[in-house]
């Protein structure tokens, strides 16, 4: 059946399966991808899981079936971890079973550069069209949809959120939800699409632009095959929602790696970035920055407009560092008026203090000083971002658990929340992780309290300044209609 006459399964159907078959699961393969998916689905409480392997009667405590056709109930989604050569026969079974989507973790297709394997991919697509189902991949980790407990790795949070992430890389698609969880990020859908034989970044962008469960779209893209359609889809999505893009293959070596990774046709990085900028996307340089920008988008509320920053923290050297990082990122630090400085001097110790912007006092790691200072700075008209930092000092080095104690956290969180609600100012935190085990435990508890209260936490002054600068530039672009 040709493309025009194909009764296409929608992505909405793909993202809402009730029964999953895992082909290639084995009794001895707990560390295989199929074994990990099977374990993750069980841990998540997915309703209907069917291991498929003719060698076994049982896998992971579940009945195992010799083929897709032998599964007694309906199957919506199939996860495949078998050799590429076995794909055609499997797809015939999927068509006969009436599945909606087939995800191939299996590699060794077009990305290999071999004509015979590229032809195998083409025949797979023809079978999908004729059989009325979709293909995710091949050469990817597939789908993570928390609302339906569809998972591909254990440990990712199952409470849904408003961020969607589409990624040509399987590793990035697995890592982003887990590595960002402690910073408060949650996801509606995460899609690793690999070689993009069928479902590609264009269709995903078109879908996510209208998805009511998605408020922010993030993307890791190595290259695209249809540049014109991609730009149309990206532009439409960016006009409706924040879109954060990390372009992989930014160097000559990276482009070679991308070509071997997903058979992706990479374009000129300069041209790609220029076009994305014109469309109003937020571009980042690495995955850490992608997480930082998503944190800023989600939790820097109200979203700042002018970029006037007031810095408050402990330590002269760290305060100088904070000032440098803000200015280098393009943020503005308005000086405090004599009246504001006088009010601060009335409330805070004068010895060893700096009352300009930044504000640095010896006791700025105590709740009393923090609460007093933030109340004053929140009323400065030129300030719409208040940045609290501990500079070079990792939480836990000299905190002795006080930063994780309720006597510190409760009044500070309450004061920051009051400023956010009553004064309409964004409060940002830079908390440096400790590398010492006890200190790290304290840091994680402190971070958790601020994240639970909905504040953006960054792990360095540099990261926080850069993310906020990206957010402000994006806001300016969209307020001016790009």
Protein backbone atom coordinates (compact mmCIF):
# COMPACT_ATOMS: atom_id res chain seq x y z
CA UNK A 1 0.00 0.00 0.00
CA UNK A 2 1.46 3.41 -0.86
CA UNK A 3 1.97 6.29 1.57
CA UNK A 4 -1.18 8.06 0.43
CA UNK A 5 -3.42 5.08 1.04
CA UNK A 6 -1.79 4.00 4.29
CA UNK A 7 -4.05 3.96 7.33
CA UNK A 8 -1.50 5.61 9.56
CA UNK A 9 -1.39 4.80 13.30
CA UNK A 10 -1.23 8.10 15.20
CA UNK A 11 1.51 8.94 17.67
CA UNK A 12 -1.21 9.32 20.29
CA UNK A 13 -1.93 5.61 19.84
CA UNK A 14 1.77 4.79 19.89
CA UNK A 15 2.22 6.65 23.19
CA UNK A 16 -0.65 4.88 24.98
CA UNK A 17 -0.04 1.11 24.85
CA UNK A 18 -1.77 -1.28 27.23
CA UNK A 19 0.17 -4.44 26.31
CA UNK A 20 3.87 -4.77 25.45
CA UNK A 21 5.80 -7.73 24.05
CA UNK A 22 9.56 -7.88 24.62
CA UNK A 23 11.15 -9.95 21.86
CA UNK A 24 14.55 -11.40 22.69
CA UNK A 25 14.09 -11.54 26.47
CA UNK A 26 16.05 -14.44 27.95
CA UNK A 27 16.32 -16.19 31.29
CA UNK A 28 20.05 -15.45 31.45
CA UNK A 29 19.96 -11.98 29.90
CA UNK A 30 19.25 -9.68 32.83
CA UNK A 31 21.91 -7.29 31.59
CA UNK A 32 20.70 -7.32 27.98
CA UNK A 33 18.53 -4.46 26.78
CA UNK A 34 15.51 -6.78 26.56
CA UNK A 35 16.16 -7.95 30.11
CA UNK A 36 16.46 -4.38 31.38
CA UNK A 37 13.23 -3.34 29.67
CA UNK A 38 11.41 -6.36 31.07
CA UNK A 39 12.63 -5.58 34.60
CA UNK A 40 11.77 -1.88 34.22
CA UNK A 41 8.23 -2.63 33.01
CA UNK A 42 7.67 -5.00 35.93
CA UNK A 43 9.04 -2.46 38.44
CA UNK A 44 6.78 0.22 36.97
CA UNK A 45 3.69 -1.98 37.23
CA UNK A 46 2.93 -2.01 33.51
CA UNK A 47 -0.34 -3.93 33.07
CA UNK A 48 0.44 -6.55 30.40
CA UNK A 49 4.01 -7.73 29.65
CA UNK A 50 4.77 -10.60 27.31
CA UNK A 51 8.34 -11.96 26.96
CA UNK A 52 8.85 -13.58 23.55
CA UNK A 53 11.57 -16.14 22.91
CA UNK A 54 11.11 -19.67 21.52
CA UNK A 55 13.89 -20.98 23.80
CA UNK A 56 12.05 -20.41 27.08
CA UNK A 57 8.75 -21.14 28.78
CA UNK A 58 9.31 -18.48 31.44
CA UNK A 59 11.43 -15.34 31.71
CA UNK A 60 11.60 -13.08 34.74
CA UNK A 61 8.72 -14.85 36.43
CA UNK A 62 6.43 -14.29 33.43
CA UNK A 63 5.16 -16.81 30.85
CA UNK A 64 7.32 -16.63 27.74
CA UNK A 65 5.88 -17.19 24.26
CA UNK A 66 7.57 -18.58 21.14
CA UNK A 67 6.33 -15.81 18.86
CA UNK A 68 4.23 -12.65 18.73
CA UNK A 69 1.41 -14.63 17.15
CA UNK A 70 1.41 -17.02 20.12
CA UNK A 71 0.72 -14.29 22.70
CA UNK A 72 -2.82 -14.94 23.97
CA UNK A 73 -3.98 -11.34 24.31
CA UNK A 74 -3.70 -8.24 22.14
CA UNK A 75 -0.29 -6.58 21.78
CA UNK A 76 -0.02 -2.83 21.20
CA UNK A 77 3.73 -2.25 21.31
CA UNK A 78 6.70 -4.53 20.60
CA UNK A 79 10.26 -4.03 21.87
CA UNK A 80 12.80 -5.87 19.70
CA UNK A 81 16.26 -7.05 20.72
CA UNK A 82 17.13 -9.74 18.15
CA UNK A 83 19.56 -9.81 15.21
CA UNK A 84 18.74 -7.52 12.30
CA UNK A 85 18.40 -10.46 9.90
CA UNK A 86 15.38 -11.74 11.85
CA UNK A 87 13.46 -8.46 11.48
CA UNK A 88 11.39 -9.24 8.34
CA UNK A 89 9.80 -12.40 9.76
CA UNK A 90 9.10 -10.64 13.04
CA UNK A 91 7.36 -7.78 11.25
CA UNK A 92 5.13 -10.26 9.40
CA UNK A 93 4.08 -11.59 12.81
CA UNK A 94 3.43 -8.05 14.06
CA UNK A 95 1.20 -7.33 11.10
CA UNK A 96 -0.75 -10.53 11.68
CA UNK A 97 -1.12 -9.70 15.38
CA UNK A 98 -2.37 -6.17 14.73
CA UNK A 99 0.26 -4.32 16.76
CA UNK A 100 0.40 -0.52 16.66
CA UNK A 101 4.13 0.07 16.99
CA UNK A 102 7.43 -1.80 16.89
CA UNK A 103 10.54 -0.43 18.57
CA UNK A 104 13.87 -1.79 17.35
CA UNK A 105 16.71 -1.56 19.85
CA UNK A 106 18.50 -3.75 17.32
CA UNK A 107 21.27 -2.00 15.40
CA UNK A 108 23.17 -3.01 12.27
CA UNK A 109 20.94 -1.32 9.70
CA UNK A 110 21.48 1.83 7.64
CA UNK A 111 23.95 3.31 10.14
CA UNK A 112 26.40 0.54 9.21
CA UNK A 113 26.97 2.12 5.80
CA UNK A 114 26.34 -1.19 4.01
CA UNK A 115 23.95 -1.13 1.05
CA UNK A 116 22.45 -4.51 1.89
CA UNK A 117 21.52 -3.39 5.40
CA UNK A 118 20.10 -0.11 4.12
CA UNK A 119 17.94 -2.17 1.76
CA UNK A 120 16.80 -4.25 4.74
CA UNK A 121 15.62 -1.04 6.42
CA UNK A 122 13.67 -0.09 3.31
CA UNK A 123 11.92 -3.47 3.22
CA UNK A 124 11.03 -3.08 6.92
CA UNK A 125 9.36 0.24 6.21
CA UNK A 126 7.37 -1.32 3.38
CA UNK A 127 6.18 -4.06 5.74
CA UNK A 128 5.12 -1.45 8.29
CA UNK A 129 3.14 0.46 5.68
CA UNK A 130 1.45 -2.71 4.46
CA UNK A 131 0.84 -3.99 7.99
CA UNK A 132 -0.53 -0.72 9.35
CA UNK A 133 1.93 -0.22 12.23
CA UNK A 134 4.71 2.24 13.10
CA UNK A 135 8.43 1.64 13.58
CA UNK A 136 10.46 3.41 16.28
CA UNK A 137 14.15 3.33 15.37
CA UNK A 138 15.90 1.10 14.60
CA UNK A 139 19.02 1.52 16.73
CA UNK A 140 17.43 3.31 19.70
CA UNK A 141 16.03 2.79 23.20
CA UNK A 142 12.50 3.76 22.23
CA UNK A 143 9.78 5.20 24.44
CA UNK A 144 9.40 6.47 27.99
CA UNK A 145 5.84 7.57 28.77
CA UNK A 146 5.36 7.88 32.55
CA UNK A 147 1.57 8.28 32.44
CA UNK A 148 1.22 4.83 30.88
CA UNK A 149 4.15 3.30 32.81
CA UNK A 150 5.89 2.58 29.52
CA UNK A 151 9.57 2.56 30.50
CA UNK A 152 12.89 1.45 29.05
CA UNK A 153 15.07 1.74 32.15
CA UNK A 154 14.51 1.37 35.88
CA UNK A 155 14.95 4.37 38.15
CA UNK A 156 13.36 7.13 36.07
CA UNK A 157 10.57 8.97 37.93
CA UNK A 158 7.09 7.78 36.98
CA UNK A 159 5.21 10.93 37.94
CA UNK A 160 4.46 12.71 34.65
CA UNK A 161 5.55 16.28 33.97
CA UNK A 162 5.29 18.92 31.25
CA UNK A 163 8.58 18.37 29.40
CA UNK A 164 8.98 16.26 26.26
CA UNK A 165 12.42 15.16 25.05
CA UNK A 166 13.12 13.76 21.60
CA UNK A 167 16.57 12.34 20.97
CA UNK A 168 18.45 10.59 18.22
CA UNK A 169 20.67 9.17 20.95
CA UNK A 170 19.41 6.33 23.10
CA UNK A 171 21.89 7.03 25.90
CA UNK A 172 20.82 10.66 26.18
CA UNK A 173 17.14 9.63 26.19
CA UNK A 174 17.79 7.24 29.09
CA UNK A 175 20.04 9.59 31.06
CA UNK A 176 18.20 12.91 30.90
CA UNK A 177 15.08 11.86 32.89
CA UNK A 178 17.14 10.13 35.61
CA UNK A 179 19.94 12.70 35.90
CA UNK A 180 17.54 15.64 36.05
CA UNK A 181 15.07 14.07 38.48
CA UNK A 182 16.72 15.49 41.61
CA UNK A 183 16.46 18.98 40.07
CA UNK A 184 12.68 18.58 39.81
CA UNK A 185 12.27 17.88 36.09
CA UNK A 186 9.51 15.51 35.01
CA UNK A 187 8.53 14.38 31.53
CA UNK A 188 5.41 13.79 29.47
CA UNK A 189 7.15 11.75 26.76
CA UNK A 190 10.75 10.83 25.98
CA UNK A 191 11.43 9.38 22.55
CA UNK A 192 14.69 7.93 21.30
CA UNK A 193 14.20 7.53 17.55
CA UNK A 194 17.64 6.45 16.32
CA UNK A 195 17.82 5.99 12.54
CA UNK A 196 14.33 7.53 12.16
CA UNK A 197 13.24 4.97 9.57
CA UNK A 198 9.59 5.85 10.15
CA UNK A 199 8.89 8.12 13.13
CA UNK A 200 11.32 11.04 12.88
CA UNK A 201 12.04 14.39 14.50
CA UNK A 202 9.66 16.19 12.13
CA UNK A 203 6.62 14.12 13.02
CA UNK A 204 7.55 14.26 16.70
CA UNK A 205 7.82 18.05 16.65
CA UNK A 206 4.48 18.33 14.85
CA UNK A 207 2.84 16.10 17.44
CA UNK A 208 4.44 17.66 20.53
CA UNK A 209 3.60 21.19 19.38
CA UNK A 210 -0.08 20.32 19.88
CA UNK A 211 0.26 17.87 22.78
CA UNK A 212 -1.68 19.25 25.77
CA UNK A 213 0.53 17.30 28.19
CA UNK A 214 3.69 19.00 26.91
CA UNK A 215 4.58 22.61 27.79
CA UNK A 216 8.30 22.53 26.95
CA UNK A 217 10.07 20.59 24.17
CA UNK A 218 13.74 19.59 24.34
CA UNK A 219 15.62 17.92 21.50
CA UNK A 220 18.97 16.28 20.84
CA UNK A 221 19.47 16.23 17.08
CA UNK A 222 22.47 15.01 15.13
CA UNK A 223 21.10 15.74 11.68
CA UNK A 224 17.98 15.76 9.54
CA UNK A 225 17.13 14.38 6.12
CA UNK A 226 14.49 16.89 5.08
CA UNK A 227 15.74 20.29 6.16
CA UNK A 228 12.85 22.32 4.80
CA UNK A 229 10.14 20.26 6.51
CA UNK A 230 12.18 20.15 9.70
CA UNK A 231 12.47 23.93 9.86
CA UNK A 232 8.73 24.32 9.26
CA UNK A 233 7.93 21.91 12.08
CA UNK A 234 10.51 23.46 14.40
CA UNK A 235 9.28 26.97 13.69
CA UNK A 236 5.67 26.02 14.40
CA UNK A 237 6.62 24.30 17.65
CA UNK A 238 8.83 27.20 18.78
CA UNK A 239 6.01 29.67 18.11
CA UNK A 240 3.77 27.75 20.50
CA UNK A 241 6.12 26.47 23.23
CA UNK A 242 9.69 26.86 24.44
CA UNK A 243 11.94 24.56 22.40
CA UNK A 244 15.47 23.76 23.62
CA UNK A 245 17.84 22.26 21.04
CA UNK A 246 21.22 20.61 21.43
CA UNK A 247 22.85 19.94 18.06
CA UNK A 248 25.14 16.92 18.16
CA UNK A 249 28.03 16.64 15.70
CA UNK A 250 29.31 20.19 16.18
CA UNK A 251 32.88 19.38 15.14
CA UNK A 252 34.34 17.43 12.24
CA UNK A 253 35.03 14.50 14.55
CA UNK A 254 31.52 14.78 15.99
CA UNK A 255 29.99 14.76 12.51
CA UNK A 256 31.89 11.58 11.65
CA UNK A 257 30.63 9.98 14.86
CA UNK A 258 27.05 11.08 14.16
CA UNK A 259 27.15 9.53 10.70
CA UNK A 260 28.23 6.20 12.18
CA UNK A 261 25.84 6.49 15.10
CA UNK A 262 22.47 6.96 13.43
CA UNK A 263 23.18 7.28 9.70
CA UNK A 264 22.36 10.94 10.17
CA UNK A 265 23.11 13.56 7.54
CA UNK A 266 24.64 16.40 9.53
CA UNK A 267 24.55 19.91 8.15
CA UNK A 268 26.73 22.96 8.67
CA UNK A 269 26.60 23.75 12.37
CA UNK A 270 26.72 27.50 11.69
CA UNK A 271 23.80 27.33 9.26
CA UNK A 272 21.80 25.05 11.56
CA UNK A 273 22.32 27.32 14.56
CA UNK A 274 21.55 30.47 12.60
CA UNK A 275 18.27 29.06 11.33
CA UNK A 276 17.28 27.77 14.78
CA UNK A 277 18.03 31.20 16.24
CA UNK A 278 15.79 32.85 13.68
CA UNK A 279 12.99 30.48 14.63
CA UNK A 280 13.22 31.44 18.31
CA UNK A 281 14.57 28.22 19.81
CA UNK A 282 16.95 28.09 22.76
CA UNK A 283 20.21 26.48 21.71
CA UNK A 284 22.57 24.85 24.19
CA UNK A 285 26.10 23.51 23.91
CA UNK A 286 25.88 20.30 25.94
CA UNK A 287 23.48 18.12 27.90
CA UNK A 288 24.33 19.68 31.27
CA UNK A 289 23.30 23.04 29.86
CA UNK A 290 20.15 21.50 28.40
CA UNK A 291 19.14 20.38 31.90
CA UNK A 292 20.03 23.81 33.33
CA UNK A 293 17.89 25.63 30.78
CA UNK A 294 14.96 23.27 31.40
CA UNK A 295 15.31 23.97 35.13
CA UNK A 296 15.23 27.71 34.40
CA UNK A 297 12.18 27.39 32.17
CA UNK A 298 10.28 25.33 34.72
CA UNK A 299 11.15 27.03 37.99
CA UNK A 300 12.43 30.58 37.39
CA UNK A 301 9.00 32.04 38.01
CA UNK A 302 7.78 34.60 37.48
CA UNK A 303 9.88 34.52 34.32
CA UNK A 304 12.18 37.55 34.47
CA UNK A 305 12.05 40.11 31.67
CA UNK A 306 14.72 42.76 32.21
CA UNK A 307 17.55 40.71 33.66
CA UNK A 308 18.41 42.92 36.63
CA UNK A 309 20.20 40.66 39.12
CA UNK A 310 20.81 41.14 42.83
CA UNK A 311 23.42 38.78 44.24
CA UNK A 312 23.52 37.77 47.89
CA UNK A 313 25.91 35.26 49.39
CA UNK A 314 28.75 34.47 51.73
CA UNK A 315 32.44 35.10 51.06
CA UNK A 316 34.24 37.97 49.36
CA UNK A 317 36.00 35.89 46.71
CA UNK A 318 32.85 33.97 45.79
CA UNK A 319 30.93 37.24 45.55
CA UNK A 320 33.49 38.60 43.10
CA UNK A 321 33.21 35.35 41.15
CA UNK A 322 29.42 35.67 41.14
CA UNK A 323 29.67 39.20 39.78
CA UNK A 324 32.04 38.13 37.02
CA UNK A 325 29.82 35.22 36.00
CA UNK A 326 26.70 37.40 35.80
CA UNK A 327 28.38 40.07 33.70
CA UNK A 328 30.07 37.53 31.39
CA UNK A 329 26.69 35.91 30.76
CA UNK A 330 25.21 39.28 29.82
CA UNK A 331 23.14 39.81 32.95
CA UNK A 332 22.91 43.27 34.51
CA UNK A 333 23.75 44.01 38.16
CA UNK A 334 22.24 47.41 39.08
CA UNK A 335 24.01 49.18 41.96
CA UNK A 336 22.07 49.51 45.20
CA UNK A 337 20.97 53.02 46.09
CA UNK A 338 22.19 54.67 49.32
CA UNK A 339 18.72 54.09 50.77
CA UNK A 340 18.85 50.35 50.06
CA UNK A 341 22.38 50.11 51.44
CA UNK A 342 21.30 51.97 54.56
CA UNK A 343 18.43 49.53 55.14
CA UNK A 344 20.79 46.58 54.71
CA UNK A 345 23.29 48.10 57.15
CA UNK A 346 20.51 48.52 59.68
CA UNK A 347 19.66 44.81 59.48
CA UNK A 348 23.06 43.16 58.90
CA UNK A 349 26.52 43.34 60.50
CA UNK A 350 28.72 46.07 59.08
CA UNK A 351 32.13 44.55 59.87
CA UNK A 352 33.43 42.44 56.97
CA UNK A 353 30.42 43.18 54.77
CA UNK A 354 29.93 44.53 51.25
CA UNK A 355 26.63 46.39 50.80
CA UNK A 356 26.83 47.03 47.10
CA UNK A 357 25.66 44.56 44.48
CA UNK A 358 26.72 41.84 45.30
CA UNK A 359 25.69 41.79 48.92
CA UNK A 360 28.18 39.84 51.02
CA UNK A 361 28.00 39.57 54.79
CA UNK A 362 29.70 37.14 57.18
CA UNK A 363 26.34 35.79 58.36
CA UNK A 364 24.74 35.35 54.91
CA UNK A 365 24.59 31.60 55.55
CA UNK A 366 22.14 32.06 58.44
CA UNK A 367 18.36 32.11 58.00
CA UNK A 368 18.03 35.39 59.89
CA UNK A 369 20.37 37.26 57.55
CA UNK A 370 19.00 35.62 54.39
CA UNK A 371 15.40 36.42 55.29
CA UNK A 372 16.23 40.03 56.17
CA UNK A 373 18.30 40.63 53.05
CA UNK A 374 15.96 39.06 50.53
CA UNK A 375 13.08 41.14 51.85
CA UNK A 376 15.03 44.33 51.15
CA UNK A 377 16.40 43.32 47.76
CA UNK A 378 12.98 42.19 46.53
CA UNK A 379 11.76 45.79 46.71
CA UNK A 380 14.51 47.20 44.49
CA UNK A 381 12.66 48.17 41.26
CA UNK A 382 15.60 47.44 38.94
CA UNK A 383 15.94 43.88 40.26
CA UNK A 384 13.81 41.03 38.91
CA UNK A 385 16.19 38.14 39.74
CA UNK A 386 17.61 37.43 43.21
CA UNK A 387 20.55 35.05 43.10
CA UNK A 388 21.53 33.39 46.38
CA UNK A 389 24.84 31.52 46.35
CA UNK A 390 27.36 29.85 48.57
CA UNK A 391 30.10 30.45 46.02
CA UNK A 392 33.07 28.13 46.27
CA UNK A 393 31.82 26.61 49.50
CA UNK A 394 30.23 23.19 48.98
CA UNK A 395 27.31 22.54 51.26
CA UNK A 396 28.60 20.12 53.86
CA UNK A 397 32.21 21.27 53.99
CA UNK A 398 31.52 23.44 56.99
CA UNK A 399 27.77 23.14 57.30
CA UNK A 400 27.71 20.35 59.90
CA UNK A 401 24.24 19.41 58.60
CA UNK A 402 22.81 22.81 59.42
CA UNK A 403 21.84 23.57 55.81
CA UNK A 404 19.68 20.44 55.73
CA UNK A 405 18.04 21.16 59.08
CA UNK A 406 14.45 22.41 59.33
CA UNK A 407 15.67 25.39 61.39
CA UNK A 408 17.59 26.62 58.31
CA UNK A 409 15.39 25.42 55.46
CA UNK A 410 11.90 26.28 56.68
CA UNK A 411 12.38 30.03 57.24
CA UNK A 412 14.57 30.45 54.14
CA UNK A 413 12.17 28.59 51.86
CA UNK A 414 9.28 30.57 53.31
CA UNK A 415 11.08 33.91 52.76
CA UNK A 416 12.02 33.04 49.18
CA UNK A 417 8.48 31.89 48.46
CA UNK A 418 7.03 35.11 49.85
CA UNK A 419 9.31 37.17 47.61
CA UNK A 420 8.28 35.13 44.60
CA UNK A 421 4.55 35.41 45.34
CA UNK A 422 4.24 38.91 46.74
CA UNK A 423 6.99 40.81 44.94
CA UNK A 424 6.98 38.90 41.63
CA UNK A 425 10.74 38.30 41.71
CA UNK A 426 12.53 35.13 40.59
CA UNK A 427 14.73 33.53 43.25
CA UNK A 428 17.66 31.45 41.95
CA UNK A 429 20.02 29.27 43.98
CA UNK A 430 23.59 28.19 43.26
CA UNK A 431 24.47 25.33 45.60
CA UNK A 432 27.79 23.63 45.08
CA UNK A 433 27.79 19.83 45.63
CA UNK A 434 30.32 18.40 48.05
CA UNK A 435 32.60 15.53 47.00
CA UNK A 436 32.77 14.26 50.57
CA UNK A 437 30.14 11.57 51.35
CA UNK A 438 28.67 13.23 54.44
CA UNK A 439 28.61 16.61 52.77
CA UNK A 440 27.00 15.17 49.67
CA UNK A 441 24.15 13.77 51.77
CA UNK A 442 23.62 17.22 53.26
CA UNK A 443 23.74 18.83 49.83
CA UNK A 444 21.15 16.42 48.42
CA UNK A 445 18.79 17.02 51.34
CA UNK A 446 19.17 20.79 50.95
CA UNK A 447 18.64 20.64 47.21
CA UNK A 448 15.58 18.44 47.66
CA UNK A 449 13.94 20.96 49.98
CA UNK A 450 14.39 23.86 47.57
CA UNK A 451 13.35 21.79 44.56
CA UNK A 452 10.25 20.54 46.37
CA UNK A 453 9.32 24.17 46.96
CA UNK A 454 9.68 24.84 43.23
CA UNK A 455 12.95 26.80 43.13
CA UNK A 456 15.60 26.44 40.40
CA UNK A 457 18.84 25.00 41.80
CA UNK A 458 22.09 25.20 39.83
CA UNK A 459 25.34 23.53 40.78
CA UNK A 460 27.59 26.46 40.00
CA UNK A 461 27.39 30.20 39.53
CA UNK A 462 28.49 29.79 35.91
CA UNK A 463 25.70 27.32 35.12
CA UNK A 464 23.03 29.44 36.76
CA UNK A 465 24.12 32.66 35.05
CA UNK A 466 24.31 31.05 31.62
CA UNK A 467 20.91 29.36 31.92
CA UNK A 468 19.23 32.57 33.04
CA UNK A 469 20.86 34.49 30.19
CA UNK A 470 19.48 31.92 27.71
CA UNK A 471 16.03 32.28 29.25
CA UNK A 472 16.12 36.08 29.06
CA UNK A 473 17.30 36.11 25.45
CA UNK A 474 14.52 33.69 24.50
CA UNK A 475 12.00 35.93 26.26
CA UNK A 476 13.24 39.01 24.42
CA UNK A 477 13.03 37.22 21.07
CA UNK A 478 9.43 36.18 21.61
CA UNK A 479 8.31 39.51 23.05
CA UNK A 480 9.60 41.15 19.85
CA UNK A 481 7.92 38.55 17.65
CA UNK A 482 11.32 37.06 16.73
